[in-house]
Structure formats: C-alpha cells, structure tokens
C-alpha cells in the first residue's frame, strides 16, 4: 500500500545530510531499523523508488528520514535535497532490514548508521542501552552524523574513527580492519550489527568471523 505524505520540517544535520520530518498516516506502524520504499510526488519522479530507513520512533506523532544527499549525482537524493516543507513523499508499507536481537556492538560506515538511529534512540528511551557500543567510521569529522546525540546516549561507548583525516586530537584516524577490531573489542561472543557500503560490510563480517564471532550473532542489511 502507498501513502502520500507531506513534509513538515527539513533540517541540515551535516554538510550533506538532511533530516526530513513528515506526516504519519493513521495506523502506520514500524519497528526500529525498518525501512520503506520512497519516491518523490513530482512528475517524472513518482516511479523512482529508493529504500530509506525510518529514524523516528514508532510512538512519535510524525515520521522521519535522515538522508545523505548526493548533489553531484543527477538522481533521487539530489532531488530530495531540493525538497522543502509542503513537498510530498510517496512511501510504502515498512519492511524489515536490521532487527535488534540484544546488546552488542554497532559498526557503521558513513550513512550506514541510519538504520541504527531508531534502534539506539529506542533503547536509550527505554533505559536498555547498557551493554551496547557504536563504532562509527567516517571520512572526516564534518561527516559524523548526529555526533552530539550519540555522545549523549552512549558516552564513552561511542567510538569514532576518521579515514580521510590525517590527524585529530579527538578521534582515531584508522580504518576498521581486523587489527582495529582486535584492539578495540574484547568480547567476540556477542551480537554485532554491521551497516555501511557493501565493501565495508563484507570486510567487517569476514574480520569478525576470523576473530571468533558467531555467524548467528551477526546482523546486517541484506
């Protein structure tokens, strides 16, 4: 089923990430980590569907996406970047992507953090975030999505590493490889949630398995 929904607020989160708040259809429900197919309600774009994860909570009165905008691509996100209050999305029913299975380590590359936002917000709201960590890889500090909110929720259990920034007084400047994981994780008998570019996900999954993580404990987008 499809729903046409009106944007009520647009905010810049980073230099290339925007947060869109929009109407919630009556009776619409979803689980943290779920996504939906989205298109723009404008001529020529209605059939151009792309998957985006909800970053609001199910109990919130409105829905929300946090979307990386690729202005140098002549495509859907470039058009979404131009959308304003009063413009409309067309969304479908929610479908499952990453599901929370218990405390563990969340490993995200860039905009791959978006499926984790609602999960972590829900755990924080319910007081059940203890035992979970977020390890977040970005190119530079300016690319870190919701840095202050993650720091508030997780404190020192929020670990950042920057791959294109040669030096930083606040953050690590390393790639997340096998050695990185071995140095920063002391228990591989727990859940691992992995999301990011396909190569990032494939490499992290392989490294985790080599370090003794149980394949059944790995949760990632498929």
N, C-alpha and C. Protein backbone atom coordinates (compact mmCIF):
# COMPACT_ATOMS: atom_id res chain seq x y z
N UNK A 1 0.84 -1.19 0.00
CA UNK A 1 0.00 0.00 0.00
C UNK A 1 0.88 1.25 0.00
N UNK A 2 0.50 2.27 -0.74
CA UNK A 2 1.26 3.50 -0.81
C UNK A 2 0.54 4.65 -0.10
N UNK A 3 1.32 5.58 0.44
CA UNK A 3 0.78 6.72 1.17
C UNK A 3 1.49 7.99 0.67
N UNK A 4 0.74 9.03 0.43
CA UNK A 4 1.32 10.32 0.09
C UNK A 4 1.36 11.17 1.35
N UNK A 5 2.56 11.62 1.72
CA UNK A 5 2.75 12.32 2.99
C UNK A 5 3.46 13.65 2.77
N UNK A 6 3.10 14.64 3.55
CA UNK A 6 3.62 15.99 3.38
C UNK A 6 4.78 16.26 4.35
N UNK A 7 5.84 16.85 3.84
CA UNK A 7 6.99 17.22 4.67
C UNK A 7 6.63 18.43 5.53
N UNK A 8 6.89 18.31 6.83
CA UNK A 8 6.58 19.40 7.77
C UNK A 8 7.82 20.12 8.27
N UNK A 9 9.01 19.50 8.09
CA UNK A 9 10.24 20.14 8.58
C UNK A 9 11.44 19.54 7.86
N UNK A 10 12.41 20.39 7.52
CA UNK A 10 13.66 19.95 6.90
C UNK A 10 14.81 20.60 7.67
N UNK A 11 15.76 19.78 8.13
CA UNK A 11 16.89 20.31 8.88
C UNK A 11 18.20 19.75 8.33
N UNK A 12 19.24 20.58 8.33
CA UNK A 12 20.56 20.14 7.93
C UNK A 12 21.25 19.51 9.13
N UNK A 13 21.70 18.26 8.97
CA UNK A 13 22.38 17.55 10.05
C UNK A 13 23.89 17.65 9.90
N UNK A 14 24.38 17.48 8.67
CA UNK A 14 25.79 17.73 8.33
C UNK A 14 25.78 18.48 7.00
N UNK A 15 26.97 18.67 6.44
CA UNK A 15 27.08 19.40 5.17
C UNK A 15 26.37 18.67 4.03
N UNK A 16 26.14 17.36 4.15
CA UNK A 16 25.47 16.63 3.06
C UNK A 16 24.41 15.65 3.57
N UNK A 17 23.92 15.86 4.77
CA UNK A 17 22.86 15.01 5.33
C UNK A 17 21.72 15.89 5.82
N UNK A 18 20.50 15.55 5.44
CA UNK A 18 19.32 16.30 5.87
C UNK A 18 18.33 15.38 6.58
N UNK A 19 17.63 15.97 7.53
CA UNK A 19 16.58 15.26 8.27
C UNK A 19 15.22 15.78 7.81
N UNK A 20 14.38 14.85 7.36
CA UNK A 20 13.05 15.20 6.88
C UNK A 20 11.99 14.64 7.83
N UNK A 21 11.17 15.51 8.37
CA UNK A 21 10.04 15.10 9.20
C UNK A 21 8.77 15.27 8.36
N UNK A 22 7.88 14.27 8.44
CA UNK A 22 6.70 14.32 7.59
C UNK A 22 5.53 13.60 8.25
N UNK A 23 4.35 13.77 7.66
CA UNK A 23 3.13 13.23 8.23
C UNK A 23 3.18 11.72 8.40
N UNK A 24 2.51 11.24 9.43
CA UNK A 24 2.42 9.80 9.68
C UNK A 24 0.99 9.36 9.38
N UNK A 25 0.80 8.47 8.40
CA UNK A 25 -0.55 8.01 8.09
C UNK A 25 -1.20 7.32 9.29
N UNK A 26 -2.47 7.47 9.41
CA UNK A 26 -3.20 6.86 10.52
C UNK A 26 -3.01 5.35 10.51
N UNK A 27 -2.63 4.80 11.66
CA UNK A 27 -2.46 3.36 11.79
C UNK A 27 -1.13 2.83 11.28
N UNK A 28 -0.25 3.71 10.81
CA UNK A 28 1.05 3.29 10.27
C UNK A 28 1.97 2.90 11.42
N UNK A 29 2.53 1.70 11.38
CA UNK A 29 3.41 1.21 12.44
C UNK A 29 4.66 0.57 11.84
N UNK A 30 5.75 0.64 12.57
CA UNK A 30 7.00 0.04 12.12
C UNK A 30 7.88 -0.28 13.32
N UNK A 31 8.89 -1.10 13.10
CA UNK A 31 9.85 -1.44 14.14
C UNK A 31 11.15 -0.67 13.91
N UNK A 32 11.89 -0.29 14.98
CA UNK A 32 13.17 0.38 14.79
C UNK A 32 14.09 -0.45 13.88
N UNK A 33 14.68 0.21 12.89
CA UNK A 33 15.54 -0.48 11.93
C UNK A 33 14.84 -0.79 10.63
N UNK A 34 13.51 -0.66 10.59
CA UNK A 34 12.79 -0.94 9.36
C UNK A 34 12.87 0.23 8.39
N UNK A 35 12.66 -0.10 7.12
CA UNK A 35 12.73 0.88 6.05
C UNK A 35 11.46 0.84 5.22
N UNK A 36 11.41 1.71 4.21
CA UNK A 36 10.30 1.70 3.27
C UNK A 36 10.81 2.17 1.92
N UNK A 37 10.07 1.86 0.86
CA UNK A 37 10.39 2.38 -0.46
C UNK A 37 9.81 3.80 -0.56
N UNK A 38 10.63 4.71 -1.06
CA UNK A 38 10.26 6.13 -1.09
C UNK A 38 10.43 6.69 -2.50
N UNK A 39 9.47 7.51 -2.92
CA UNK A 39 9.63 8.27 -4.15
C UNK A 39 9.14 9.70 -3.89
N UNK A 40 9.40 10.57 -4.85
CA UNK A 40 9.03 11.98 -4.74
C UNK A 40 7.73 12.20 -5.51
N UNK A 41 6.79 12.88 -4.87
CA UNK A 41 5.50 13.10 -5.51
C UNK A 41 5.57 14.30 -6.46
N UNK A 42 6.38 14.13 -7.50
CA UNK A 42 6.50 15.13 -8.55
C UNK A 42 6.56 14.41 -9.89
N UNK A 43 6.08 15.05 -10.92
CA UNK A 43 6.05 14.46 -12.25
C UNK A 43 7.46 14.03 -12.67
N UNK A 44 7.56 12.78 -13.12
CA UNK A 44 8.84 12.26 -13.56
C UNK A 44 9.63 11.54 -12.49
N UNK A 45 9.17 11.64 -11.22
CA UNK A 45 9.92 11.03 -10.11
C UNK A 45 9.08 10.03 -9.30
N UNK A 46 7.80 9.93 -9.58
CA UNK A 46 6.92 9.09 -8.76
C UNK A 46 7.29 7.60 -8.80
N UNK A 47 7.85 7.15 -9.91
CA UNK A 47 8.20 5.73 -10.04
C UNK A 47 9.65 5.44 -9.70
N UNK A 48 10.40 6.47 -9.31
CA UNK A 48 11.81 6.29 -8.94
C UNK A 48 11.90 6.02 -7.44
N UNK A 49 11.74 4.76 -7.06
CA UNK A 49 11.70 4.41 -5.64
C UNK A 49 13.09 4.05 -5.11
N UNK A 50 13.34 4.48 -3.88
CA UNK A 50 14.59 4.15 -3.20
C UNK A 50 14.27 3.77 -1.75
N UNK A 51 15.03 2.85 -1.16
CA UNK A 51 14.78 2.48 0.23
C UNK A 51 15.42 3.45 1.23
N UNK A 52 14.66 3.87 2.23
CA UNK A 52 15.19 4.70 3.31
C UNK A 52 14.65 4.18 4.64
N UNK A 53 15.49 4.27 5.66
CA UNK A 53 15.14 3.78 6.99
C UNK A 53 14.48 4.89 7.81
N UNK A 54 13.46 4.51 8.57
CA UNK A 54 12.84 5.47 9.49
C UNK A 54 13.82 5.75 10.63
N UNK A 55 14.03 7.02 10.96
CA UNK A 55 14.89 7.35 12.09
C UNK A 55 14.09 7.91 13.26
N UNK A 56 12.78 8.02 13.10
CA UNK A 56 11.89 8.35 14.22
C UNK A 56 11.53 7.06 14.94
N UNK A 57 10.80 7.18 16.02
CA UNK A 57 10.30 6.02 16.75
C UNK A 57 8.83 5.78 16.39
N UNK A 58 8.38 4.55 16.53
CA UNK A 58 7.01 4.22 16.17
C UNK A 58 6.00 5.05 16.96
N UNK A 59 6.34 5.37 18.21
CA UNK A 59 5.40 6.11 19.05
C UNK A 59 5.39 7.61 18.78
N UNK A 60 6.32 8.09 17.95
CA UNK A 60 6.34 9.51 17.61
C UNK A 60 5.13 9.88 16.76
N UNK A 61 4.65 11.12 16.87
CA UNK A 61 3.47 11.53 16.11
C UNK A 61 3.74 11.71 14.62
N UNK A 62 5.01 11.90 14.24
CA UNK A 62 5.36 12.05 12.84
C UNK A 62 6.48 11.08 12.47
N UNK A 63 6.70 10.92 11.16
CA UNK A 63 7.76 10.05 10.66
C UNK A 63 8.99 10.90 10.31
N UNK A 64 10.14 10.23 10.20
CA UNK A 64 11.37 10.96 9.92
C UNK A 64 12.34 10.09 9.13
N UNK A 65 13.01 10.71 8.16
CA UNK A 65 14.15 10.11 7.48
C UNK A 65 15.37 10.99 7.72
N UNK A 66 16.55 10.38 7.77
CA UNK A 66 17.81 11.11 7.79
C UNK A 66 18.59 10.63 6.58
N UNK A 67 18.75 11.50 5.59
CA UNK A 67 19.18 11.08 4.26
C UNK A 67 20.45 11.82 3.83
N UNK A 68 21.42 11.05 3.32
CA UNK A 68 22.61 11.66 2.73
C UNK A 68 22.27 12.12 1.32
N UNK A 69 22.60 13.37 1.02
CA UNK A 69 22.27 13.96 -0.27
C UNK A 69 23.51 13.95 -1.17
N UNK A 70 23.36 13.38 -2.34
CA UNK A 70 24.45 13.34 -3.32
C UNK A 70 24.17 14.39 -4.40
N UNK A 71 24.64 15.60 -4.16
CA UNK A 71 24.32 16.70 -5.07
C UNK A 71 25.02 16.57 -6.42
N UNK A 72 26.11 15.79 -6.47
CA UNK A 72 26.82 15.62 -7.73
C UNK A 72 26.26 14.48 -8.57
N UNK A 73 25.22 13.80 -8.06
CA UNK A 73 24.56 12.75 -8.82
C UNK A 73 23.24 13.30 -9.35
N UNK A 74 22.94 13.07 -10.59
CA UNK A 74 21.67 13.51 -11.15
C UNK A 74 20.64 12.42 -10.89
N UNK A 75 20.18 12.34 -9.62
CA UNK A 75 19.30 11.25 -9.25
C UNK A 75 18.35 11.62 -8.13
N UNK A 76 17.83 10.57 -7.46
CA UNK A 76 16.77 10.76 -6.48
C UNK A 76 17.24 11.59 -5.29
N UNK A 77 18.39 11.25 -4.69
CA UNK A 77 18.79 12.00 -3.49
C UNK A 77 19.13 13.45 -3.83
N UNK A 78 19.63 13.69 -5.03
CA UNK A 78 19.90 15.08 -5.45
C UNK A 78 18.59 15.86 -5.49
N UNK A 79 17.52 15.21 -5.96
CA UNK A 79 16.20 15.84 -5.99
C UNK A 79 15.62 15.99 -4.59
N UNK A 80 15.82 14.96 -3.74
CA UNK A 80 15.34 15.04 -2.36
C UNK A 80 16.00 16.20 -1.64
N UNK A 81 17.26 16.46 -1.96
CA UNK A 81 17.98 17.57 -1.33
C UNK A 81 17.35 18.92 -1.61
N UNK A 82 16.55 19.02 -2.65
CA UNK A 82 15.88 20.27 -3.01
C UNK A 82 14.50 20.39 -2.37
N UNK A 83 14.02 19.31 -1.73
CA UNK A 83 12.66 19.32 -1.20
C UNK A 83 12.54 20.20 0.04
N UNK A 84 11.36 20.81 0.17
CA UNK A 84 11.11 21.75 1.25
C UNK A 84 9.81 21.40 1.96
N UNK A 85 9.53 22.13 3.04
CA UNK A 85 8.24 21.97 3.72
C UNK A 85 7.11 22.13 2.72
N UNK A 86 6.12 21.24 2.81
CA UNK A 86 4.99 21.29 1.90
C UNK A 86 5.12 20.35 0.72
N UNK A 87 6.36 19.94 0.38
CA UNK A 87 6.54 18.94 -0.66
C UNK A 87 6.12 17.57 -0.13
N UNK A 88 5.98 16.60 -1.03
CA UNK A 88 5.41 15.31 -0.63
C UNK A 88 6.29 14.13 -1.04
N UNK A 89 6.39 13.17 -0.11
CA UNK A 89 6.94 11.85 -0.40
C UNK A 89 5.79 10.90 -0.70
N UNK A 90 6.09 9.84 -1.44
CA UNK A 90 5.20 8.68 -1.53
C UNK A 90 5.93 7.53 -0.87
N UNK A 91 5.35 6.95 0.18
CA UNK A 91 6.01 5.86 0.89
C UNK A 91 5.13 4.61 0.84
N UNK A 92 5.77 3.46 0.97
CA UNK A 92 5.07 2.18 1.00
C UNK A 92 5.03 1.66 2.44
N UNK A 93 4.47 0.48 2.61
CA UNK A 93 4.47 -0.15 3.92
C UNK A 93 5.90 -0.47 4.34
N UNK A 94 6.17 -0.50 5.64
CA UNK A 94 7.53 -0.79 6.12
C UNK A 94 7.92 -2.24 5.89
N UNK A 95 9.21 -2.46 5.76
CA UNK A 95 9.72 -3.83 5.64
C UNK A 95 10.99 -3.95 6.46
N UNK A 96 11.32 -5.17 6.84
CA UNK A 96 12.42 -5.40 7.77
C UNK A 96 13.78 -5.30 7.13
N UNK A 97 14.69 -4.66 7.81
CA UNK A 97 16.09 -4.67 7.40
C UNK A 97 16.92 -5.20 8.58
N UNK A 98 17.38 -4.31 9.43
CA UNK A 98 18.16 -4.73 10.59
C UNK A 98 17.26 -4.78 11.82
N UNK A 99 17.23 -5.92 12.47
CA UNK A 99 16.41 -6.09 13.68
C UNK A 99 17.30 -6.24 14.90
N UNK A 100 16.89 -5.59 15.98
CA UNK A 100 17.64 -5.66 17.24
C UNK A 100 17.43 -7.03 17.89
N UNK A 101 18.54 -7.68 18.25
CA UNK A 101 18.48 -9.01 18.86
C UNK A 101 19.02 -9.05 20.28
N UNK A 102 19.59 -7.92 20.73
CA UNK A 102 20.15 -7.87 22.06
C UNK A 102 21.38 -6.98 22.08
N UNK A 103 21.93 -6.67 23.26
CA UNK A 103 23.08 -5.78 23.38
C UNK A 103 24.25 -6.28 22.53
N UNK A 104 25.03 -5.34 22.02
CA UNK A 104 26.17 -5.72 21.21
C UNK A 104 26.90 -4.50 20.68
N UNK A 105 27.69 -4.72 19.64
CA UNK A 105 28.48 -3.66 19.04
C UNK A 105 27.87 -3.30 17.69
N UNK A 106 27.57 -2.02 17.53
CA UNK A 106 27.05 -1.50 16.26
C UNK A 106 28.24 -0.91 15.49
N UNK A 107 28.47 -1.39 14.28
CA UNK A 107 29.57 -0.94 13.45
C UNK A 107 29.00 -0.28 12.20
N UNK A 108 29.26 1.00 12.03
CA UNK A 108 28.65 1.74 10.93
C UNK A 108 29.70 2.48 10.11
N UNK A 109 29.48 2.49 8.80
CA UNK A 109 30.31 3.27 7.90
C UNK A 109 29.48 4.36 7.26
N UNK A 110 29.79 5.63 7.57
CA UNK A 110 29.10 6.76 6.96
C UNK A 110 27.60 6.74 7.18
N UNK A 111 26.85 6.94 6.09
CA UNK A 111 25.39 6.98 6.17
C UNK A 111 24.80 5.63 6.54
N UNK A 112 25.63 4.60 6.60
CA UNK A 112 25.17 3.29 7.05
C UNK A 112 24.70 3.29 8.49
N UNK A 113 24.94 4.39 9.20
CA UNK A 113 24.48 4.47 10.59
C UNK A 113 22.97 4.64 10.67
N UNK A 114 22.32 5.05 9.58
CA UNK A 114 20.90 5.42 9.68
C UNK A 114 19.99 4.30 10.19
N UNK A 115 20.18 3.03 9.82
CA UNK A 115 19.31 2.00 10.40
C UNK A 115 19.48 1.84 11.90
N UNK A 116 20.61 2.31 12.44
CA UNK A 116 20.86 2.18 13.87
C UNK A 116 20.23 3.31 14.69
N UNK A 117 19.90 4.42 14.04
CA UNK A 117 19.46 5.61 14.78
C UNK A 117 18.21 5.31 15.60
N UNK A 118 17.16 4.77 14.96
CA UNK A 118 15.93 4.50 15.69
C UNK A 118 16.13 3.41 16.74
N UNK A 119 16.96 2.41 16.42
CA UNK A 119 17.22 1.33 17.40
C UNK A 119 17.86 1.92 18.65
N UNK A 120 18.91 2.73 18.47
CA UNK A 120 19.61 3.30 19.63
C UNK A 120 18.73 4.30 20.37
N UNK A 121 17.94 5.09 19.65
CA UNK A 121 17.02 6.01 20.31
C UNK A 121 16.00 5.27 21.16
N UNK A 122 15.50 4.17 20.64
CA UNK A 122 14.50 3.38 21.38
C UNK A 122 15.12 2.77 22.64
N UNK A 123 16.31 2.19 22.51
CA UNK A 123 16.98 1.61 23.67
C UNK A 123 17.28 2.67 24.72
N UNK A 124 17.72 3.84 24.26
CA UNK A 124 18.02 4.93 25.19
C UNK A 124 16.75 5.38 25.91
N UNK A 125 15.68 5.53 25.17
CA UNK A 125 14.41 5.97 25.76
C UNK A 125 13.91 4.96 26.79
N UNK A 126 14.10 3.68 26.50
CA UNK A 126 13.62 2.61 27.39
C UNK A 126 14.60 2.29 28.52
N UNK A 127 15.78 2.93 28.52
CA UNK A 127 16.77 2.67 29.56
C UNK A 127 17.46 1.33 29.41
N UNK A 128 17.54 0.81 28.16
CA UNK A 128 18.12 -0.53 27.94
C UNK A 128 19.32 -0.48 26.99
N UNK A 129 19.98 0.67 26.93
CA UNK A 129 21.12 0.82 26.03
C UNK A 129 22.42 0.29 26.64
N UNK A 130 22.40 0.00 27.93
CA UNK A 130 23.60 -0.52 28.59
C UNK A 130 24.05 -1.81 27.91
N UNK A 131 25.36 -1.92 27.72
CA UNK A 131 25.90 -3.12 27.11
C UNK A 131 26.10 -3.02 25.61
N UNK A 132 25.68 -1.89 25.02
CA UNK A 132 25.86 -1.70 23.58
C UNK A 132 26.84 -0.56 23.31
N UNK A 133 27.55 -0.67 22.18
CA UNK A 133 28.50 0.35 21.76
C UNK A 133 28.26 0.68 20.29
N UNK A 134 28.69 1.87 19.88
CA UNK A 134 28.66 2.26 18.48
C UNK A 134 30.08 2.62 18.06
N UNK A 135 30.58 1.91 17.05
CA UNK A 135 31.86 2.22 16.43
C UNK A 135 31.54 2.78 15.04
N UNK A 136 31.92 4.03 14.82
CA UNK A 136 31.44 4.77 13.66
C UNK A 136 32.63 5.26 12.83
N UNK A 137 32.68 4.85 11.57
CA UNK A 137 33.75 5.24 10.67
C UNK A 137 33.24 6.29 9.67
N UNK A 138 33.97 7.40 9.56
CA UNK A 138 33.64 8.45 8.60
C UNK A 138 34.92 8.94 7.94
N UNK A 139 34.77 9.69 6.85
CA UNK A 139 35.94 10.23 6.18
C UNK A 139 36.60 11.31 7.02
N UNK A 140 35.80 12.31 7.47
CA UNK A 140 36.32 13.41 8.27
C UNK A 140 35.33 13.75 9.38
N UNK A 141 35.74 14.61 10.30
CA UNK A 141 34.88 14.96 11.42
C UNK A 141 33.57 15.59 10.96
N UNK A 142 33.62 16.39 9.89
CA UNK A 142 32.40 17.07 9.43
C UNK A 142 31.35 16.09 8.88
N UNK A 143 31.76 14.85 8.64
CA UNK A 143 30.84 13.85 8.10
C UNK A 143 30.08 13.07 9.19
N UNK A 144 30.43 13.26 10.45
CA UNK A 144 29.83 12.48 11.53
C UNK A 144 28.38 12.90 11.73
N UNK A 145 27.47 11.97 11.52
CA UNK A 145 26.03 12.21 11.65
C UNK A 145 25.62 12.12 13.12
N UNK A 146 24.89 13.12 13.61
CA UNK A 146 24.32 13.13 14.96
C UNK A 146 25.35 12.87 16.05
N UNK A 147 26.53 13.46 15.88
CA UNK A 147 27.61 13.23 16.83
C UNK A 147 27.20 13.55 18.27
N UNK A 148 26.57 14.69 18.50
CA UNK A 148 26.22 15.09 19.86
C UNK A 148 25.17 14.15 20.47
N UNK A 149 24.20 13.75 19.66
CA UNK A 149 23.16 12.86 20.19
C UNK A 149 23.73 11.49 20.55
N UNK A 150 24.58 10.95 19.69
CA UNK A 150 25.19 9.66 20.01
C UNK A 150 26.06 9.76 21.26
N UNK A 151 26.77 10.87 21.42
CA UNK A 151 27.62 11.05 22.59
C UNK A 151 26.76 11.12 23.86
N UNK A 152 25.63 11.80 23.77
CA UNK A 152 24.72 11.89 24.92
C UNK A 152 24.18 10.51 25.28
N UNK A 153 23.80 9.75 24.30
CA UNK A 153 23.21 8.43 24.56
C UNK A 153 24.24 7.42 25.05
N UNK A 154 25.44 7.45 24.47
CA UNK A 154 26.39 6.36 24.68
C UNK A 154 27.62 6.75 25.51
N UNK A 155 27.89 8.03 25.63
CA UNK A 155 29.08 8.44 26.38
C UNK A 155 30.35 7.87 25.76
N UNK A 156 31.20 7.24 26.59
CA UNK A 156 32.46 6.71 26.07
C UNK A 156 32.28 5.40 25.32
N UNK A 157 31.03 4.95 25.17
CA UNK A 157 30.75 3.76 24.35
C UNK A 157 30.46 4.15 22.90
N UNK A 158 30.75 5.39 22.56
CA UNK A 158 30.65 5.91 21.19
C UNK A 158 32.07 6.17 20.71
N UNK A 159 32.55 5.34 19.78
CA UNK A 159 33.93 5.42 19.30
C UNK A 159 33.93 5.84 17.83
N UNK A 160 34.65 6.92 17.53
CA UNK A 160 34.74 7.42 16.16
C UNK A 160 36.13 7.19 15.59
N UNK A 161 36.17 6.88 14.29
CA UNK A 161 37.45 6.83 13.59
C UNK A 161 37.28 7.49 12.23
N UNK A 162 38.30 8.24 11.81
CA UNK A 162 38.24 9.02 10.59
C UNK A 162 39.27 8.49 9.60
N UNK A 163 38.83 8.23 8.36
CA UNK A 163 39.71 7.56 7.39
C UNK A 163 40.38 8.50 6.39
N UNK A 164 39.89 9.74 6.29
CA UNK A 164 40.49 10.69 5.35
C UNK A 164 41.10 11.90 6.06
N UNK A 165 41.10 11.86 7.37
CA UNK A 165 41.65 12.96 8.15
C UNK A 165 42.97 12.50 8.75
N UNK A 166 44.06 13.16 8.40
CA UNK A 166 45.38 12.66 8.76
C UNK A 166 45.64 12.71 10.26
N UNK A 167 45.07 13.70 10.94
CA UNK A 167 45.29 13.79 12.38
C UNK A 167 44.06 14.38 13.06
N UNK A 168 43.86 14.00 14.31
CA UNK A 168 42.74 14.51 15.09
C UNK A 168 43.07 14.36 16.57
N UNK A 169 42.78 15.42 17.33
CA UNK A 169 43.01 15.35 18.77
C UNK A 169 41.88 14.60 19.47
N UNK A 170 40.72 14.51 18.84
CA UNK A 170 39.55 13.91 19.49
C UNK A 170 39.23 12.50 19.02
N UNK A 171 39.64 12.15 17.80
CA UNK A 171 39.21 10.88 17.23
C UNK A 171 40.38 10.05 16.72
N UNK A 172 40.12 8.75 16.59
CA UNK A 172 41.09 7.88 15.95
C UNK A 172 41.10 8.20 14.46
N UNK A 173 42.21 7.88 13.79
CA UNK A 173 42.30 8.10 12.34
C UNK A 173 42.79 6.80 11.70
N UNK A 174 41.95 5.77 11.81
CA UNK A 174 42.30 4.44 11.32
C UNK A 174 41.13 3.84 10.56
N UNK A 175 41.44 2.91 9.66
CA UNK A 175 40.40 2.11 9.03
C UNK A 175 39.98 1.00 9.99
N UNK A 176 38.73 0.60 9.92
CA UNK A 176 38.28 -0.53 10.75
C UNK A 176 38.65 -1.82 10.03
N UNK A 177 39.79 -2.37 10.41
CA UNK A 177 40.25 -3.63 9.84
C UNK A 177 40.33 -4.67 10.96
N UNK A 178 40.92 -5.80 10.67
CA UNK A 178 40.98 -6.88 11.66
C UNK A 178 41.74 -6.45 12.92
N UNK A 179 42.86 -5.76 12.74
CA UNK A 179 43.66 -5.30 13.89
C UNK A 179 42.88 -4.29 14.72
N UNK A 180 42.16 -3.39 14.05
CA UNK A 180 41.36 -2.40 14.77
C UNK A 180 40.33 -3.10 15.65
N UNK A 181 39.62 -4.07 15.08
CA UNK A 181 38.60 -4.79 15.84
C UNK A 181 39.21 -5.54 17.01
N UNK A 182 40.35 -6.17 16.78
CA UNK A 182 41.01 -6.92 17.85
C UNK A 182 41.46 -6.00 18.98
N UNK A 183 41.87 -4.79 18.62
CA UNK A 183 42.36 -3.84 19.62
C UNK A 183 41.25 -3.16 20.42
N UNK A 184 40.06 -3.04 19.83
CA UNK A 184 39.00 -2.25 20.46
C UNK A 184 37.79 -3.07 20.93
N UNK A 185 37.81 -4.36 20.68
CA UNK A 185 36.72 -5.23 21.14
C UNK A 185 37.34 -6.39 21.90
N UNK A 186 36.90 -6.60 23.13
CA UNK A 186 37.49 -7.68 23.93
C UNK A 186 36.58 -8.89 24.07
N UNK A 187 35.40 -8.85 23.48
CA UNK A 187 34.47 -9.96 23.57
C UNK A 187 33.80 -10.16 22.22
N UNK A 188 34.11 -11.27 21.57
CA UNK A 188 33.51 -11.54 20.26
C UNK A 188 32.34 -12.51 20.37
N UNK A 189 31.96 -12.82 21.59
CA UNK A 189 30.80 -13.68 21.82
C UNK A 189 29.60 -12.80 22.18
N UNK A 190 29.21 -11.94 21.24
CA UNK A 190 28.08 -11.04 21.44
C UNK A 190 27.50 -10.70 20.07
N UNK A 191 26.45 -9.92 20.05
CA UNK A 191 25.86 -9.52 18.77
C UNK A 191 26.69 -8.41 18.13
N UNK A 192 26.78 -8.46 16.81
CA UNK A 192 27.42 -7.41 16.04
C UNK A 192 26.45 -6.97 14.94
N UNK A 193 26.20 -5.67 14.89
CA UNK A 193 25.31 -5.08 13.89
C UNK A 193 26.18 -4.28 12.93
N UNK A 194 26.10 -4.59 11.65
CA UNK A 194 27.02 -4.00 10.68
C UNK A 194 26.24 -3.37 9.53
N UNK A 195 26.53 -2.10 9.23
CA UNK A 195 25.85 -1.44 8.12
C UNK A 195 26.75 -0.35 7.53
N UNK A 196 26.77 -0.28 6.21
CA UNK A 196 27.58 0.69 5.51
C UNK A 196 27.68 0.31 4.05
N UNK A 197 28.64 0.85 3.33
CA UNK A 197 28.84 0.45 1.94
C UNK A 197 29.08 -1.05 1.84
N UNK A 198 28.69 -1.70 0.73
CA UNK A 198 28.83 -3.16 0.61
C UNK A 198 30.22 -3.69 0.94
N UNK A 199 31.27 -3.02 0.46
CA UNK A 199 32.63 -3.49 0.73
C UNK A 199 32.95 -3.42 2.22
N UNK A 200 32.47 -2.37 2.89
CA UNK A 200 32.66 -2.21 4.34
C UNK A 200 32.00 -3.38 5.07
N UNK A 201 30.75 -3.68 4.72
CA UNK A 201 30.01 -4.76 5.39
C UNK A 201 30.71 -6.10 5.15
N UNK A 202 31.09 -6.38 3.92
CA UNK A 202 31.74 -7.66 3.60
C UNK A 202 33.05 -7.81 4.38
N UNK A 203 33.85 -6.75 4.41
CA UNK A 203 35.14 -6.83 5.10
C UNK A 203 34.95 -7.03 6.60
N UNK A 204 34.04 -6.26 7.20
CA UNK A 204 33.82 -6.36 8.65
C UNK A 204 33.30 -7.74 9.02
N UNK A 205 32.36 -8.26 8.25
CA UNK A 205 31.84 -9.60 8.51
C UNK A 205 32.96 -10.64 8.48
N UNK A 206 33.83 -10.55 7.47
CA UNK A 206 34.93 -11.51 7.35
C UNK A 206 35.89 -11.38 8.54
N UNK A 207 36.24 -10.15 8.92
CA UNK A 207 37.15 -9.94 10.05
C UNK A 207 36.54 -10.47 11.35
N UNK A 208 35.27 -10.21 11.56
CA UNK A 208 34.62 -10.66 12.79
C UNK A 208 34.62 -12.19 12.90
N UNK A 209 34.33 -12.84 11.79
CA UNK A 209 34.33 -14.31 11.79
C UNK A 209 35.73 -14.85 12.07
N UNK A 210 36.76 -14.20 11.49
CA UNK A 210 38.14 -14.63 11.73
C UNK A 210 38.53 -14.45 13.19
N UNK A 211 37.91 -13.47 13.84
CA UNK A 211 38.23 -13.19 15.25
C UNK A 211 37.36 -14.00 16.22
N UNK A 212 36.51 -14.87 15.68
CA UNK A 212 35.75 -15.78 16.52
C UNK A 212 34.30 -15.44 16.73
N UNK A 213 33.81 -14.40 16.06
CA UNK A 213 32.39 -14.06 16.21
C UNK A 213 31.52 -15.15 15.59
N UNK A 214 30.41 -15.46 16.25
CA UNK A 214 29.47 -16.45 15.76
C UNK A 214 28.68 -15.86 14.60
N UNK A 215 28.62 -16.58 13.49
CA UNK A 215 27.88 -16.09 12.32
C UNK A 215 26.43 -15.78 12.67
N UNK A 216 25.84 -16.52 13.62
CA UNK A 216 24.46 -16.30 14.01
C UNK A 216 24.29 -15.00 14.79
N UNK A 217 25.40 -14.46 15.28
CA UNK A 217 25.33 -13.22 16.04
C UNK A 217 25.55 -11.98 15.20
N UNK A 218 25.76 -12.17 13.88
CA UNK A 218 25.98 -11.03 13.00
C UNK A 218 24.68 -10.59 12.37
N UNK A 219 24.37 -9.31 12.47
CA UNK A 219 23.15 -8.75 11.92
C UNK A 219 23.53 -7.65 10.94
N UNK A 220 23.06 -7.76 9.71
CA UNK A 220 23.43 -6.79 8.70
C UNK A 220 22.34 -6.70 7.66
N UNK A 221 22.37 -5.61 6.87
CA UNK A 221 21.37 -5.42 5.81
C UNK A 221 21.59 -6.44 4.71
N UNK A 222 20.51 -6.97 4.17
CA UNK A 222 20.60 -7.91 3.05
C UNK A 222 19.77 -7.41 1.90
